Amino acid sequence: MDEDKKIPEMKSYEEMAEFWDTHDLGDYWEQTEPAEFEISPQARRRYLVSVDRNILLRIQQLARKRGLTTESLVNLFLEQHLHEIEAQAS
């Protein structure tokens, strides 16, 4: 590992995704820490939404490019957008 490489501070999931799309975790492995978390299947709910076909195709293409499922990418977009709206409101 190049000692000069530091994991940068990231302000959004999109920034994080863009960084890791172009960098190898192996180069930064020594900077990582073990993490523990619980996954709660009840935390997610399916919600049927009609989406314009062209928007869906663009989302699917971007998700594939980033190595994500379409569902994960949509959730990231929603989370980021809600965070931005909530930050503006406060």
PDB file of N, CA and C in Angstrom:
ATOM      1  N   MET A   1       0.842  -1.191   0.000  1.00  0.00           N
ATOM      2  CA  MET A   1       0.000   0.000   0.000  1.00  0.00           C
ATOM      3  C   MET A   1       0.878   1.241   0.000  1.00  0.00           C
ATOM      4  N   ASP A   2       0.520   2.208  -0.792  1.00  0.00           N
ATOM      5  CA  ASP A   2       1.184   3.505  -0.810  1.00  0.00           C
ATOM      6  C   ASP A   2       0.747   4.267   0.433  1.00  0.00           C
ATOM      7  N   GLU A   3       1.698   4.615   1.300  1.00  0.00           N
ATOM      8  CA  GLU A   3       1.380   5.264   2.580  1.00  0.00           C
ATOM      9  C   GLU A   3       0.727   6.626   2.393  1.00  0.00           C
ATOM     10  N   ASP A   4       0.884   7.254   1.214  1.00  0.00           N
ATOM     11  CA  ASP A   4       0.295   8.569   0.967  1.00  0.00           C
ATOM     12  C   ASP A   4      -1.198   8.492   0.693  1.00  0.00           C
ATOM     13  N   LYS A   5      -1.704   7.318   0.388  1.00  0.00           N
ATOM     14  CA  LYS A   5      -3.122   7.174   0.068  1.00  0.00           C
ATOM     15  C   LYS A   5      -3.945   7.168   1.346  1.00  0.00           C
ATOM     16  N   LYS A   6      -4.849   8.110   1.460  1.00  0.00           N
ATOM     17  CA  LYS A   6      -5.755   8.185   2.604  1.00  0.00           C
ATOM     18  C   LYS A   6      -7.186   8.151   2.079  1.00  0.00           C
ATOM     19  N   ILE A   7      -8.055   7.465   2.803  1.00  0.00           N
ATOM     20  CA  ILE A   7      -9.467   7.458   2.423  1.00  0.00           C
ATOM     21  C   ILE A   7     -10.010   8.858   2.694  1.00  0.00           C
ATOM     22  N   PRO A   8     -10.539   9.546   1.666  1.00  0.00           N
ATOM     23  CA  PRO A   8     -11.025  10.911   1.875  1.00  0.00           C
ATOM     24  C   PRO A   8     -12.359  10.941   2.626  1.00  0.00           C
ATOM     25  N   GLU A   9     -12.639  12.084   3.240  1.00  0.00           N
ATOM     26  CA  GLU A   9     -13.955  12.301   3.841  1.00  0.00           C
ATOM     27  C   GLU A   9     -14.949  12.459   2.696  1.00  0.00           C
ATOM     28  N   MET A  10     -16.082  11.801   2.807  1.00  0.00           N
ATOM     29  CA  MET A  10     -17.079  11.867   1.743  1.00  0.00           C
ATOM     30  C   MET A  10     -18.374  12.428   2.304  1.00  0.00           C
ATOM     31  N   LYS A  11     -19.048  13.253   1.498  1.00  0.00           N
ATOM     32  CA  LYS A  11     -20.237  13.955   1.963  1.00  0.00           C
ATOM     33  C   LYS A  11     -21.535  13.302   1.524  1.00  0.00           C
ATOM     34  N   SER A  12     -21.454  12.315   0.650  1.00  0.00           N
ATOM     35  CA  SER A  12     -22.685  11.688   0.165  1.00  0.00           C
ATOM     36  C   SER A  12     -22.402  10.253  -0.266  1.00  0.00           C
ATOM     37  N   TYR A  13     -23.465   9.474  -0.378  1.00  0.00           N
ATOM     38  CA  TYR A  13     -23.329   8.110  -0.874  1.00  0.00           C
ATOM     39  C   TYR A  13     -22.827   8.126  -2.313  1.00  0.00           C
ATOM     40  N   GLU A  14     -23.271   9.118  -3.082  1.00  0.00           N
ATOM     41  CA  GLU A  14     -22.849   9.203  -4.479  1.00  0.00           C
ATOM     42  C   GLU A  14     -21.338   9.442  -4.564  1.00  0.00           C
ATOM     43  N   GLU A  15     -20.832  10.354  -3.732  1.00  0.00           N
ATOM     44  CA  GLU A  15     -19.392  10.608  -3.683  1.00  0.00           C
ATOM     45  C   GLU A  15     -18.634   9.338  -3.310  1.00  0.00           C
ATOM     46  N   MET A  16     -19.183   8.615  -2.336  1.00  0.00           N
ATOM     47  CA  MET A  16     -18.565   7.377  -1.880  1.00  0.00           C
ATOM     48  C   MET A  16     -18.542   6.348  -3.013  1.00  0.00           C
ATOM     49  N   ALA A  17     -19.662   6.221  -3.709  1.00  0.00           N
ATOM     50  CA  ALA A  17     -19.747   5.257  -4.810  1.00  0.00           C
ATOM     51  C   ALA A  17     -18.766   5.617  -5.919  1.00  0.00           C
ATOM     52  N   GLU A  18     -18.687   6.907  -6.250  1.00  0.00           N
ATOM     53  CA  GLU A  18     -17.763   7.342  -7.302  1.00  0.00           C
ATOM     54  C   GLU A  18     -16.314   7.046  -6.914  1.00  0.00           C
ATOM     55  N   PHE A  19     -15.966   7.278  -5.644  1.00  0.00           N
ATOM     56  CA  PHE A  19     -14.600   7.014  -5.190  1.00  0.00           C
ATOM     57  C   PHE A  19     -14.273   5.532  -5.315  1.00  0.00           C
ATOM     58  N   TRP A  20     -15.137   4.670  -4.757  1.00  0.00           N
ATOM     59  CA  TRP A  20     -14.831   3.238  -4.742  1.00  0.00           C
ATOM     60  C   TRP A  20     -14.986   2.597  -6.120  1.00  0.00           C
ATOM     61  N   ASP A  21     -15.712   3.262  -7.043  1.00  0.00           N
ATOM     62  CA  ASP A  21     -15.778   2.767  -8.420  1.00  0.00           C
ATOM     63  C   ASP A  21     -14.415   2.874  -9.104  1.00  0.00           C
ATOM     64  N   THR A  22     -13.582   3.799  -8.627  1.00  0.00           N
ATOM     65  CA  THR A  22     -12.307   4.056  -9.300  1.00  0.00           C
ATOM     66  C   THR A  22     -11.086   3.727  -8.441  1.00  0.00           C
ATOM     67  N   HIS A  23     -11.302   3.161  -7.253  1.00  0.00           N
ATOM     68  CA  HIS A  23     -10.191   2.820  -6.361  1.00  0.00           C
ATOM     69  C   HIS A  23     -10.338   1.387  -5.861  1.00  0.00           C
ATOM     70  N   ASP A  24      -9.218   0.787  -5.499  1.00  0.00           N
ATOM     71  CA  ASP A  24      -9.191  -0.589  -5.015  1.00  0.00           C
ATOM     72  C   ASP A  24      -9.121  -0.595  -3.490  1.00  0.00           C
ATOM     73  N   LEU A  25     -10.088  -1.248  -2.843  1.00  0.00           N
ATOM     74  CA  LEU A  25     -10.116  -1.319  -1.385  1.00  0.00           C
ATOM     75  C   LEU A  25      -8.820  -1.902  -0.832  1.00  0.00           C
ATOM     76  N   GLY A  26      -8.195  -2.795  -1.581  1.00  0.00           N
ATOM     77  CA  GLY A  26      -6.942  -3.399  -1.136  1.00  0.00           C
ATOM     78  C   GLY A  26      -5.850  -2.370  -0.864  1.00  0.00           C
ATOM     79  N   ASP A  27      -5.886  -1.248  -1.566  1.00  0.00           N
ATOM     80  CA  ASP A  27      -4.898  -0.185  -1.356  1.00  0.00           C
ATOM     81  C   ASP A  27      -5.124   0.569  -0.051  1.00  0.00           C
ATOM     82  N   TYR A  28      -6.301   0.399   0.549  1.00  0.00           N
ATOM     83  CA  TYR A  28      -6.678   1.157   1.743  1.00  0.00           C
ATOM     84  C   TYR A  28      -7.019   0.241   2.920  1.00  0.00           C
ATOM     85  N   TRP A  29      -6.791  -1.045   2.760  1.00  0.00           N
ATOM     86  CA  TRP A  29      -7.244  -2.043   3.739  1.00  0.00           C
ATOM     87  C   TRP A  29      -6.767  -1.740   5.154  1.00  0.00           C
ATOM     88  N   GLU A  30      -5.535  -1.274   5.300  1.00  0.00           N
ATOM     89  CA  GLU A  30      -4.968  -1.006   6.629  1.00  0.00           C
ATOM     90  C   GLU A  30      -5.688   0.136   7.346  1.00  0.00           C
ATOM     91  N   GLN A  31      -6.418   0.954   6.611  1.00  0.00           N
ATOM     92  CA  GLN A  31      -7.143   2.077   7.214  1.00  0.00           C
ATOM     93  C   GLN A  31      -8.560   1.697   7.641  1.00  0.00           C
ATOM     94  N   THR A  32      -8.974   0.489   7.342  1.00  0.00           N
ATOM     95  CA  THR A  32     -10.337   0.088   7.681  1.00  0.00           C
ATOM     96  C   THR A  32     -10.397  -0.452   9.100  1.00  0.00           C
ATOM     97  N   GLU A  33     -11.603  -0.467   9.642  1.00  0.00           N
ATOM     98  CA  GLU A  33     -11.832  -0.992  10.988  1.00  0.00           C
ATOM     99  C   GLU A  33     -12.953  -2.014  10.921  1.00  0.00           C
ATOM    100  N   PRO A  34     -12.910  -3.021  11.791  1.00  0.00           N
ATOM    101  CA  PRO A  34     -14.015  -3.984  11.824  1.00  0.00           C
ATOM    102  C   PRO A  34     -15.319  -3.273  12.185  1.00  0.00           C
ATOM    103  N   ALA A  35     -16.409  -3.761  11.640  1.00  0.00           N
ATOM    104  CA  ALA A  35     -17.718  -3.171  11.934  1.00  0.00           C
ATOM    105  C   ALA A  35     -18.710  -4.286  12.216  1.00  0.00           C
ATOM    106  N   GLU A  36     -19.596  -4.022  13.140  1.00  0.00           N
ATOM    107  CA  GLU A  36     -20.676  -4.954  13.435  1.00  0.00           C
ATOM    108  C   GLU A  36     -21.995  -4.228  13.217  1.00  0.00           C
ATOM    109  N   PHE A  37     -22.943  -4.925  12.630  1.00  0.00           N
ATOM    110  CA  PHE A  37     -24.257  -4.333  12.429  1.00  0.00           C
ATOM    111  C   PHE A  37     -25.282  -5.437  12.312  1.00  0.00           C
ATOM    112  N   GLU A  38     -26.511  -5.086  12.581  1.00  0.00           N
ATOM    113  CA  GLU A  38     -27.620  -6.027  12.445  1.00  0.00           C
ATOM    114  C   GLU A  38     -28.417  -5.677  11.206  1.00  0.00           C
ATOM    115  N   ILE A  39     -28.896  -6.693  10.561  1.00  0.00           N
ATOM    116  CA  ILE A  39     -29.766  -6.492   9.415  1.00  0.00           C
ATOM    117  C   ILE A  39     -31.162  -6.893   9.840  1.00  0.00           C
ATOM    118  N   SER A  40     -32.083  -5.968   9.691  1.00  0.00           N
ATOM    119  CA  SER A  40     -33.461  -6.231  10.080  1.00  0.00           C
ATOM    120  C   SER A  40     -34.326  -6.342   8.832  1.00  0.00           C
ATOM    121  N   PRO A  41     -34.759  -7.541   8.487  1.00  0.00           N
ATOM    122  CA  PRO A  41     -35.596  -7.693   7.289  1.00  0.00           C
ATOM    123  C   PRO A  41     -36.878  -6.868   7.360  1.00  0.00           C
ATOM    124  N   GLN A  42     -37.359  -6.584   8.568  1.00  0.00           N
ATOM    125  CA  GLN A  42     -38.584  -5.806   8.709  1.00  0.00           C
ATOM    126  C   GLN A  42     -38.362  -4.323   8.402  1.00  0.00           C
ATOM    127  N   ALA A  43     -37.128  -3.896   8.319  1.00  0.00           N
ATOM    128  CA  ALA A  43     -36.838  -2.485   8.088  1.00  0.00           C
ATOM    129  C   ALA A  43     -37.206  -2.044   6.673  1.00  0.00           C
ATOM    130  N   ARG A  44     -37.353  -2.977   5.773  1.00  0.00           N
ATOM    131  CA  ARG A  44     -37.680  -2.630   4.386  1.00  0.00           C
ATOM    132  C   ARG A  44     -39.111  -3.023   4.058  1.00  0.00           C
ATOM    133  N   ARG A  45     -39.728  -2.183   3.283  1.00  0.00           N
ATOM    134  CA  ARG A  45     -41.076  -2.460   2.797  1.00  0.00           C
ATOM    135  C   ARG A  45     -41.077  -2.264   1.288  1.00  0.00           C
ATOM    136  N   ARG A  46     -41.751  -3.116   0.606  1.00  0.00           N
ATOM    137  CA  ARG A  46     -41.886  -2.943  -0.844  1.00  0.00           C
ATOM    138  C   ARG A  46     -43.015  -1.958  -1.110  1.00  0.00           C
ATOM    139  N   TYR A  47     -42.785  -1.091  -2.081  1.00  0.00           N
ATOM    140  CA  TYR A  47     -43.758  -0.074  -2.430  1.00  0.00           C
ATOM    141  C   TYR A  47     -43.764   0.037  -3.944  1.00  0.00           C
ATOM    142  N   LEU A  48     -44.881  -0.209  -4.546  1.00  0.00           N
ATOM    143  CA  LEU A  48     -44.994  -0.192  -6.002  1.00  0.00           C
ATOM    144  C   LEU A  48     -45.152   1.244  -6.497  1.00  0.00           C
ATOM    145  N   VAL A  49     -44.261   1.650  -7.392  1.00  0.00           N
ATOM    146  CA  VAL A  49     -44.282   3.003  -7.937  1.00  0.00           C
ATOM    147  C   VAL A  49     -44.139   2.907  -9.453  1.00  0.00           C
ATOM    148  N   SER A  50     -44.963   3.639 -10.164  1.00  0.00           N
ATOM    149  CA  SER A  50     -44.827   3.702 -11.621  1.00  0.00           C
ATOM    150  C   SER A  50     -43.700   4.671 -11.958  1.00  0.00           C
ATOM    151  N   VAL A  51     -42.791   4.218 -12.818  1.00  0.00           N
ATOM    152  CA  VAL A  51     -41.641   5.037 -13.204  1.00  0.00           C
ATOM    153  C   VAL A  51     -41.612   5.125 -14.720  1.00  0.00           C
ATOM    154  N   ASP A  52     -41.362   6.315 -15.216  1.00  0.00           N
ATOM    155  CA  ASP A  52     -41.228   6.518 -16.649  1.00  0.00           C
ATOM    156  C   ASP A  52     -40.184   5.541 -17.198  1.00  0.00           C
ATOM    157  N   ARG A  53     -40.481   4.924 -18.325  1.00  0.00           N
ATOM    158  CA  ARG A  53     -39.608   3.894 -18.888  1.00  0.00           C
ATOM    159  C   ARG A  53     -38.182   4.393 -19.117  1.00  0.00           C
ATOM    160  N   ASN A  54     -38.043   5.601 -19.662  1.00  0.00           N
ATOM    161  CA  ASN A  54     -36.701   6.137 -19.926  1.00  0.00           C
ATOM    162  C   ASN A  54     -35.920   6.377 -18.632  1.00  0.00           C
ATOM    163  N   ILE A  55     -36.610   6.837 -17.592  1.00  0.00           N
ATOM    164  CA  ILE A  55     -35.947   7.031 -16.299  1.00  0.00           C
ATOM    165  C   ILE A  55     -35.492   5.684 -15.755  1.00  0.00           C
ATOM    166  N   LEU A  56     -36.361   4.683 -15.836  1.00  0.00           N
ATOM    167  CA  LEU A  56     -36.012   3.354 -15.345  1.00  0.00           C
ATOM    168  C   LEU A  56     -34.794   2.794 -16.080  1.00  0.00           C
ATOM    169  N   LEU A  57     -34.763   2.939 -17.389  1.00  0.00           N
ATOM    170  CA  LEU A  57     -33.622   2.444 -18.166  1.00  0.00           C
ATOM    171  C   LEU A  57     -32.325   3.134 -17.749  1.00  0.00           C
ATOM    172  N   ARG A  58     -32.388   4.445 -17.509  1.00  0.00           N
ATOM    173  CA  ARG A  58     -31.197   5.186 -17.072  1.00  0.00           C
ATOM    174  C   ARG A  58     -30.745   4.733 -15.688  1.00  0.00           C
ATOM    175  N   ILE A  59     -31.707   4.521 -14.788  1.00  0.00           N
ATOM    176  CA  ILE A  59     -31.373   4.051 -13.437  1.00  0.00           C
ATOM    177  C   ILE A  59     -30.746   2.661 -13.504  1.00  0.00           C
ATOM    178  N   GLN A  60     -31.330   1.769 -14.297  1.00  0.00           N
ATOM    179  CA  GLN A  60     -30.792   0.414 -14.423  1.00  0.00           C
ATOM    180  C   GLN A  60     -29.377   0.435 -14.994  1.00  0.00           C
ATOM    181  N   GLN A  61     -29.154   1.273 -15.981  1.00  0.00           N
ATOM    182  CA  GLN A  61     -27.826   1.380 -16.593  1.00  0.00           C
ATOM    183  C   GLN A  61     -26.803   1.898 -15.576  1.00  0.00           C
ATOM    184  N   LEU A  62     -27.166   2.922 -14.826  1.00  0.00           N
ATOM    185  CA  LEU A  62     -26.258   3.480 -13.823  1.00  0.00           C
ATOM    186  C   LEU A  62     -25.991   2.478 -12.704  1.00  0.00           C
ATOM    187  N   ALA A  63     -27.024   1.756 -12.296  1.00  0.00           N
ATOM    188  CA  ALA A  63     -26.857   0.742 -11.245  1.00  0.00           C
ATOM    189  C   ALA A  63     -25.867  -0.332 -11.701  1.00  0.00           C
ATOM    190  N   ARG A  64     -26.014  -0.818 -12.925  1.00  0.00           N
ATOM    191  CA  ARG A  64     -25.079  -1.823 -13.456  1.00  0.00           C
ATOM    192  C   ARG A  64     -23.657  -1.277 -13.480  1.00  0.00           C
ATOM    193  N   LYS A  65     -23.519  -0.031 -13.920  1.00  0.00           N
ATOM    194  CA  LYS A  65     -22.199   0.600 -14.005  1.00  0.00           C
ATOM    195  C   LYS A  65     -21.539   0.679 -12.628  1.00  0.00           C
ATOM    196  N   ARG A  66     -22.338   0.888 -11.589  1.00  0.00           N
ATOM    197  CA  ARG A  66     -21.805   1.019 -10.225  1.00  0.00           C
ATOM    198  C   ARG A  66     -21.786  -0.300  -9.464  1.00  0.00           C
ATOM    199  N   GLY A  67     -22.249  -1.360 -10.107  1.00  0.00           N
ATOM    200  CA  GLY A  67     -22.239  -2.668  -9.452  1.00  0.00           C
ATOM    201  C   GLY A  67     -23.278  -2.794  -8.356  1.00  0.00           C
ATOM    202  N   LEU A  68     -24.395  -2.093  -8.517  1.00  0.00           N
ATOM    203  CA  LEU A  68     -25.478  -2.114  -7.537  1.00  0.00           C
ATOM    204  C   LEU A  68     -26.732  -2.692  -8.162  1.00  0.00           C
ATOM    205  N   THR A  69     -27.654  -3.101  -7.318  1.00  0.00           N
ATOM    206  CA  THR A  69     -28.970  -3.454  -7.837  1.00  0.00           C
ATOM    207  C   THR A  69     -29.723  -2.151  -8.084  1.00  0.00           C
ATOM    208  N   THR A  70     -30.720  -2.217  -8.942  1.00  0.00           N
ATOM    209  CA  THR A  70     -31.560  -1.047  -9.196  1.00  0.00           C
ATOM    210  C   THR A  70     -32.204  -0.581  -7.898  1.00  0.00           C
ATOM    211  N   GLU A  71     -32.687  -1.524  -7.100  1.00  0.00           N
ATOM    212  CA  GLU A  71     -33.323  -1.194  -5.823  1.00  0.00           C
ATOM    213  C   GLU A  71     -32.361  -0.463  -4.893  1.00  0.00           C
ATOM    214  N   SER A  72     -31.125  -0.929  -4.802  1.00  0.00           N
ATOM    215  CA  SER A  72     -30.139  -0.274  -3.932  1.00  0.00           C
ATOM    216  C   SER A  72     -29.845   1.146  -4.396  1.00  0.00           C
ATOM    217  N   LEU A  73     -29.691   1.323  -5.701  1.00  0.00           N
ATOM    218  CA  LEU A  73     -29.404   2.656  -6.224  1.00  0.00           C
ATOM    219  C   LEU A  73     -30.564   3.609  -5.962  1.00  0.00           C
ATOM    220  N   VAL A  74     -31.793   3.157  -6.181  1.00  0.00           N
ATOM    221  CA  VAL A  74     -32.963   4.004  -5.919  1.00  0.00           C
ATOM    222  C   VAL A  74     -33.012   4.376  -4.442  1.00  0.00           C
ATOM    223  N   ASN A  75     -32.750   3.420  -3.555  1.00  0.00           N
ATOM    224  CA  ASN A  75     -32.732   3.720  -2.120  1.00  0.00           C
ATOM    225  C   ASN A  75     -31.645   4.738  -1.781  1.00  0.00           C
ATOM    226  N   LEU A  76     -30.473   4.618  -2.392  1.00  0.00           N
ATOM    227  CA  LEU A  76     -29.408   5.599  -2.166  1.00  0.00           C
ATOM    228  C   LEU A  76     -29.832   6.986  -2.631  1.00  0.00           C
ATOM    229  N   PHE A  77     -30.445   7.057  -3.821  1.00  0.00           N
ATOM    230  CA  PHE A  77     -30.929   8.340  -4.337  1.00  0.00           C
ATOM    231  C   PHE A  77     -31.956   8.958  -3.391  1.00  0.00           C
ATOM    232  N   LEU A  78     -32.913   8.155  -2.953  1.00  0.00           N
ATOM    233  CA  LEU A  78     -33.957   8.661  -2.061  1.00  0.00           C
ATOM    234  C   LEU A  78     -33.366   9.144  -0.740  1.00  0.00           C
ATOM    235  N   GLU A  79     -32.480   8.352  -0.164  1.00  0.00           N
ATOM    236  CA  GLU A  79     -31.854   8.725   1.112  1.00  0.00           C
ATOM    237  C   GLU A  79     -31.078  10.029   0.980  1.00  0.00           C
ATOM    238  N   GLN A  80     -30.289  10.136  -0.082  1.00  0.00           N
ATOM    239  CA  GLN A  80     -29.486  11.340  -0.284  1.00  0.00           C
ATOM    240  C   GLN A  80     -30.381  12.558  -0.495  1.00  0.00           C
ATOM    241  N   HIS A  81     -31.411  12.418  -1.315  1.00  0.00           N
ATOM    242  CA  HIS A  81     -32.297  13.548  -1.603  1.00  0.00           C
ATOM    243  C   HIS A  81     -33.063  13.973  -0.345  1.00  0.00           C
ATOM    244  N   LEU A  82     -33.554  13.017   0.422  1.00  0.00           N
ATOM    245  CA  LEU A  82     -34.240  13.348   1.672  1.00  0.00           C
ATOM    246  C   LEU A  82     -33.305  14.061   2.638  1.00  0.00           C
ATOM    247  N   HIS A  83     -32.074  13.592   2.719  1.00  0.00           N
ATOM    248  CA  HIS A  83     -31.089  14.228   3.601  1.00  0.00           C
ATOM    249  C   HIS A  83     -30.869  15.687   3.186  1.00  0.00           C
ATOM    250  N   GLU A  84     -30.747  15.935   1.882  1.00  0.00           N
ATOM    251  CA  GLU A  84     -30.553  17.299   1.380  1.00  0.00           C
ATOM    252  C   GLU A  84     -31.754  18.182   1.701  1.00  0.00           C
ATOM    253  N   ILE A  85     -32.963  17.667   1.508  1.00  0.00           N
ATOM    254  CA  ILE A  85     -34.178  18.436   1.794  1.00  0.00           C
ATOM    255  C   ILE A  85     -34.274  18.743   3.284  1.00  0.00           C
ATOM    256  N   GLU A  86     -33.997  17.742   4.117  1.00  0.00           N
ATOM    257  CA  GLU A  86     -34.061  17.942   5.569  1.00  0.00           C
ATOM    258  C   GLU A  86     -33.005  18.943   6.036  1.00  0.00           C
ATOM    259  N   ALA A  87     -31.836  18.921   5.418  1.00  0.00           N
ATOM    260  CA  ALA A  87     -30.773  19.863   5.784  1.00  0.00           C
ATOM    261  C   ALA A  87     -31.170  21.293   5.420  1.00  0.00           C
ATOM    262  N   GLN A  88     -31.846  21.462   4.297  1.00  0.00           N
ATOM    263  CA  GLN A  88     -32.298  22.789   3.879  1.00  0.00           C
ATOM    264  C   GLN A  88     -33.404  23.311   4.788  1.00  0.00           C
ATOM    265  N   ALA A  89     -34.233  22.406   5.300  1.00  0.00           N
ATOM    266  CA  ALA A  89     -35.370  22.796   6.138  1.00  0.00           C
ATOM    267  C   ALA A  89     -34.941  23.225   7.536  1.00  0.00           C
ATOM    268  N   SER A  90     -33.773  22.772   7.964  1.00  0.00           N
ATOM    269  CA  SER A  90     -33.357  23.103   9.342  1.00  0.00           C
ATOM    270  C   SER A  90     -32.450  24.302   9.412  1.00  0.00           C
TER     271      SER A  90
END
